[in-house]
């Protein structure tokens, strides 16, 4: 068996780790004294003509049975999102940017969005991640996602009662199963696998993304994602 692909994959991951680590820091570092305007997150450059690592496309699972994914498994472009339900910038992306991407690209079959739980803000982050997975087991992940990222939702915390309320709001049909699944070994293993993948890429903040193997860090403007998706779709179409 050829060793070329594994070596290339490791190389691609190493480069991406450096890129995501640097950009994640840039996206969350304190503003310079006297700085004005929006957060530096929106100022991070993500030129779609550079920084593409084809080897990293292998991180897309493209599993048609994945309950934490949205869109066709064979879509030409896959956006992988590493996020935390306690992350304010993740909430901004979920409310302001993701719905537009769904309308424009997921609904026409161009884009698939794959969620990765990447809890980095402590115990409540971990529990919320497991709860989202549990909601997904009953086909209500994206409804839970929407409820958990609603304006002001994270300020209410993610304690046991609050998660049960979110599950009810999301229309999870079996509350007892939801509670069992949230605390179960399968949920813990699924969240751990997502975390390990994110850390392997050097992600140190949320949200972090891969778009067909191109790392993007931070809650970038809609235009950053549309340009990246359009570029990736064009590249995919040109392939033999």
Protein backbone atom coordinates (compact mmCIF):
# COMPACT_ATOMS: atom_id res chain seq x y z
CA UNK A 1 0.00 0.00 0.00
CA UNK A 2 1.31 3.42 -0.90
CA UNK A 3 2.31 5.65 2.00
CA UNK A 4 1.92 8.84 0.00
CA UNK A 5 -1.63 9.66 1.09
CA UNK A 6 -1.06 9.25 4.86
CA UNK A 7 2.07 11.42 4.67
CA UNK A 8 0.17 14.02 2.66
CA UNK A 9 -2.68 13.97 5.13
CA UNK A 10 -0.38 14.46 8.10
CA UNK A 11 1.33 17.30 6.24
CA UNK A 12 -1.99 18.94 5.45
CA UNK A 13 -3.17 18.63 9.04
CA UNK A 14 0.08 20.11 10.33
CA UNK A 15 -0.26 23.14 8.06
CA UNK A 16 -3.91 23.57 8.99
CA UNK A 17 -3.05 23.29 12.67
CA UNK A 18 -0.63 26.18 12.36
CA UNK A 19 -3.14 28.22 10.36
CA UNK A 20 -6.11 27.60 12.67
CA UNK A 21 -3.99 28.12 15.77
CA UNK A 22 -2.72 31.50 14.55
CA UNK A 23 -6.05 32.65 13.15
CA UNK A 24 -7.97 31.45 16.21
CA UNK A 25 -5.68 33.54 18.40
CA UNK A 26 -6.03 36.54 16.08
CA UNK A 27 -9.80 36.14 16.12
CA UNK A 28 -10.06 36.25 19.91
CA UNK A 29 -7.12 38.37 21.08
CA UNK A 30 -7.98 41.59 22.93
CA UNK A 31 -8.34 44.68 20.79
CA UNK A 32 -5.43 47.12 20.77
CA UNK A 33 -5.70 50.03 23.19
CA UNK A 34 -7.81 52.73 21.64
CA UNK A 35 -9.12 50.44 18.93
CA UNK A 36 -12.65 51.09 17.77
CA UNK A 37 -15.24 49.37 15.64
CA UNK A 38 -16.21 45.73 15.51
CA UNK A 39 -14.41 42.80 17.07
CA UNK A 40 -11.25 41.59 15.37
CA UNK A 41 -13.08 38.34 14.57
CA UNK A 42 -14.69 40.01 11.57
CA UNK A 43 -11.35 41.37 10.42
CA UNK A 44 -9.55 38.04 10.00
CA UNK A 45 -8.68 37.48 6.35
CA UNK A 46 -9.91 34.29 4.71
CA UNK A 47 -9.09 34.72 1.01
CA UNK A 48 -10.77 31.82 -0.82
CA UNK A 49 -7.98 31.69 -3.40
CA UNK A 50 -5.44 30.53 -0.84
CA UNK A 51 -5.16 28.13 2.07
CA UNK A 52 -6.91 25.14 0.51
CA UNK A 53 -5.63 21.73 1.66
CA UNK A 54 -7.26 19.02 -0.41
CA UNK A 55 -6.12 16.34 2.05
CA UNK A 56 -8.37 17.83 4.71
CA UNK A 57 -11.49 17.07 2.68
CA UNK A 58 -11.18 13.60 4.25
CA UNK A 59 -12.50 15.11 7.51
CA UNK A 60 -15.96 15.29 5.92
CA UNK A 61 -17.85 12.17 6.96
CA UNK A 62 -20.52 12.33 4.23
CA UNK A 63 -22.60 9.84 6.18
CA UNK A 64 -26.20 9.93 4.98
CA UNK A 65 -27.34 8.73 8.41
CA UNK A 66 -25.50 11.50 10.28
CA UNK A 67 -28.17 13.19 12.41
CA UNK A 68 -25.95 16.21 13.06
CA UNK A 69 -25.59 17.10 9.39
CA UNK A 70 -27.71 19.06 6.96
CA UNK A 71 -27.82 18.62 3.19
CA UNK A 72 -27.02 15.96 0.63
CA UNK A 73 -24.26 13.50 1.51
CA UNK A 74 -22.92 13.86 -2.04
CA UNK A 75 -23.01 17.67 -2.14
CA UNK A 76 -19.94 19.11 -3.90
CA UNK A 77 -19.06 21.30 -0.92
CA UNK A 78 -18.96 20.33 2.76
CA UNK A 79 -18.69 22.94 5.50
CA UNK A 80 -17.61 21.41 8.81
CA UNK A 81 -18.33 23.56 11.84
CA UNK A 82 -16.57 23.10 15.20
CA UNK A 83 -18.62 24.99 17.77
CA UNK A 84 -19.70 25.36 21.40
CA UNK A 85 -23.22 26.22 22.54
CA UNK A 86 -21.83 28.68 25.12
CA UNK A 87 -19.88 30.58 22.44
CA UNK A 88 -21.36 33.97 21.61
CA UNK A 89 -19.73 34.14 18.18
CA UNK A 90 -21.08 30.67 17.37
CA UNK A 91 -24.53 31.98 18.21
CA UNK A 92 -24.01 34.96 15.93
CA UNK A 93 -23.02 32.64 13.08
CA UNK A 94 -26.02 30.38 13.78
CA UNK A 95 -28.48 33.29 13.77
CA UNK A 96 -27.05 35.65 11.16
CA UNK A 97 -25.03 33.60 8.66
CA UNK A 98 -25.95 29.93 8.67
CA UNK A 99 -29.63 30.40 7.71
CA UNK A 100 -28.56 32.37 4.64
CA UNK A 101 -26.12 29.61 3.64
CA UNK A 102 -28.87 27.02 4.07
CA UNK A 103 -31.27 28.96 1.85
CA UNK A 104 -28.71 29.72 -0.83
CA UNK A 105 -26.60 26.56 -0.96
CA UNK A 106 -28.00 23.67 1.10
CA UNK A 107 -31.45 23.82 -0.42
CA UNK A 108 -30.11 23.67 -3.98
CA UNK A 109 -27.79 20.75 -3.21
CA UNK A 110 -24.48 22.64 -3.41
CA UNK A 111 -23.61 22.56 0.29
CA UNK A 112 -23.66 20.08 3.15
CA UNK A 113 -23.12 21.32 6.72
CA UNK A 114 -21.61 18.88 9.21
CA UNK A 115 -21.65 19.81 12.88
CA UNK A 116 -18.87 18.92 15.27
CA UNK A 117 -19.38 19.44 19.01
CA UNK A 118 -16.31 21.31 20.27
CA UNK A 119 -17.06 22.28 23.88
CA UNK A 120 -14.30 24.42 25.33
CA UNK A 121 -16.08 26.47 28.01
CA UNK A 122 -16.38 23.94 30.80
CA UNK A 123 -18.90 21.50 32.21
CA UNK A 124 -22.05 23.18 30.87
CA UNK A 125 -20.53 23.24 27.39
CA UNK A 126 -19.89 19.52 27.61
CA UNK A 127 -23.41 18.80 28.84
CA UNK A 128 -25.02 20.97 26.17
CA UNK A 129 -22.95 19.18 23.52
CA UNK A 130 -24.15 15.79 24.73
CA UNK A 131 -27.72 17.10 24.89
CA UNK A 132 -27.54 18.26 21.27
CA UNK A 133 -26.34 14.80 20.27
CA UNK A 134 -29.20 13.26 22.27
CA UNK A 135 -31.72 15.50 20.51
CA UNK A 136 -30.21 14.35 17.24
CA UNK A 137 -30.91 10.73 18.07
CA UNK A 138 -34.60 11.65 17.90
CA UNK A 139 -34.20 13.66 14.73
CA UNK A 140 -34.32 17.07 16.41
CA UNK A 141 -30.71 18.23 16.43
CA UNK A 142 -31.18 21.30 14.25
CA UNK A 143 -34.29 22.34 16.17
CA UNK A 144 -32.30 22.03 19.42
CA UNK A 145 -29.43 23.93 17.78
CA UNK A 146 -31.80 26.77 16.87
CA UNK A 147 -33.30 26.92 20.37
CA UNK A 148 -29.91 26.81 22.12
CA UNK A 149 -28.53 29.58 19.91
CA UNK A 150 -31.55 31.86 20.13
CA UNK A 151 -30.82 35.41 21.26
CA UNK A 152 -30.25 35.36 25.02
CA UNK A 153 -30.39 31.56 25.34
CA UNK A 154 -26.84 30.99 26.55
CA UNK A 155 -27.25 33.58 29.30
CA UNK A 156 -29.84 31.27 30.89
CA UNK A 157 -27.23 28.53 31.20
CA UNK A 158 -27.38 24.87 30.29
CA UNK A 159 -28.30 23.15 33.53
CA UNK A 160 -30.38 19.97 33.55
CA UNK A 161 -33.76 21.70 33.74
CA UNK A 162 -32.80 24.23 31.09
CA UNK A 163 -31.67 21.49 28.69
CA UNK A 164 -34.97 19.67 29.24
CA UNK A 165 -36.80 22.90 28.40
CA UNK A 166 -34.76 23.36 25.24
CA UNK A 167 -35.49 19.78 24.22
CA UNK A 168 -39.20 20.41 24.70
CA UNK A 169 -38.95 23.63 22.67
CA UNK A 170 -37.14 21.68 19.96
CA UNK A 171 -39.91 19.11 19.82
CA UNK A 172 -37.89 16.15 21.11
CA UNK A 173 -40.66 13.55 21.53
CA UNK A 174 -39.27 11.31 24.30
CA UNK A 175 -38.01 13.36 27.26
CA UNK A 176 -36.95 10.32 29.29
CA UNK A 177 -34.87 8.94 26.44
CA UNK A 178 -33.36 12.40 25.88
CA UNK A 179 -32.22 12.51 29.52
CA UNK A 180 -30.76 8.99 29.35
CA UNK A 181 -28.98 9.65 26.07
CA UNK A 182 -27.54 12.96 27.32
CA UNK A 183 -25.83 11.17 30.22
CA UNK A 184 -24.95 8.03 28.27
CA UNK A 185 -21.63 6.64 27.13
CA UNK A 186 -22.51 6.98 23.43
CA UNK A 187 -23.01 10.74 23.75
CA UNK A 188 -19.73 11.13 25.61
CA UNK A 189 -17.87 9.11 22.98
CA UNK A 190 -19.41 11.09 20.11
CA UNK A 191 -18.51 14.44 21.66
CA UNK A 192 -15.00 13.22 22.47
CA UNK A 193 -14.46 12.13 18.86
CA UNK A 194 -15.53 15.56 17.59
CA UNK A 195 -13.27 17.30 20.09
CA UNK A 196 -10.26 15.21 19.17
CA UNK A 197 -10.77 15.98 15.50
CA UNK A 198 -10.94 19.72 16.21
CA UNK A 199 -7.86 19.67 18.40
CA UNK A 200 -5.96 17.70 15.75
CA UNK A 201 -6.53 20.64 13.41
CA UNK A 202 -5.17 23.11 15.93
CA UNK A 203 -8.52 24.75 16.64
CA UNK A 204 -8.22 26.77 19.86
CA UNK A 205 -11.39 28.86 19.67
CA UNK A 206 -14.90 28.62 18.36
CA UNK A 207 -16.32 28.71 15.81
CA UNK A 208 -13.77 27.11 13.50
CA UNK A 209 -14.57 25.72 10.06
CA UNK A 210 -13.36 23.63 7.17
CA UNK A 211 -14.80 24.30 3.71
CA UNK A 212 -13.68 21.46 1.44
CA UNK A 213 -10.36 21.41 3.24
CA UNK A 214 -9.88 25.16 3.72
CA UNK A 215 -9.68 26.28 7.36
CA UNK A 216 -11.60 29.39 8.40
CA UNK A 217 -11.61 30.64 12.00
CA UNK A 218 -14.00 33.03 13.65
CA UNK A 219 -17.48 34.39 12.95
CA UNK A 220 -16.57 35.76 9.56
CA UNK A 221 -18.95 37.87 7.49
CA UNK A 222 -21.39 36.09 5.18
CA UNK A 223 -19.28 37.13 2.20
CA UNK A 224 -16.30 35.10 3.44
CA UNK A 225 -18.37 31.92 3.43
CA UNK A 226 -20.14 32.59 0.14
CA UNK A 227 -16.81 33.24 -1.59
CA UNK A 228 -15.29 30.10 -0.07
CA UNK A 229 -18.28 27.96 -1.03
CA UNK A 230 -18.42 29.35 -4.57
CA UNK A 231 -14.70 28.71 -5.03
CA UNK A 232 -14.98 25.18 -3.66
CA UNK A 233 -18.00 24.41 -5.84
CA UNK A 234 -16.16 25.65 -8.92
CA UNK A 235 -13.15 23.48 -8.09
CA UNK A 236 -15.37 20.45 -7.47
CA UNK A 237 -17.17 20.96 -10.78
CA UNK A 238 -13.86 21.09 -12.65
CA UNK A 239 -12.73 17.75 -11.34
CA UNK A 240 -12.85 14.84 -13.80
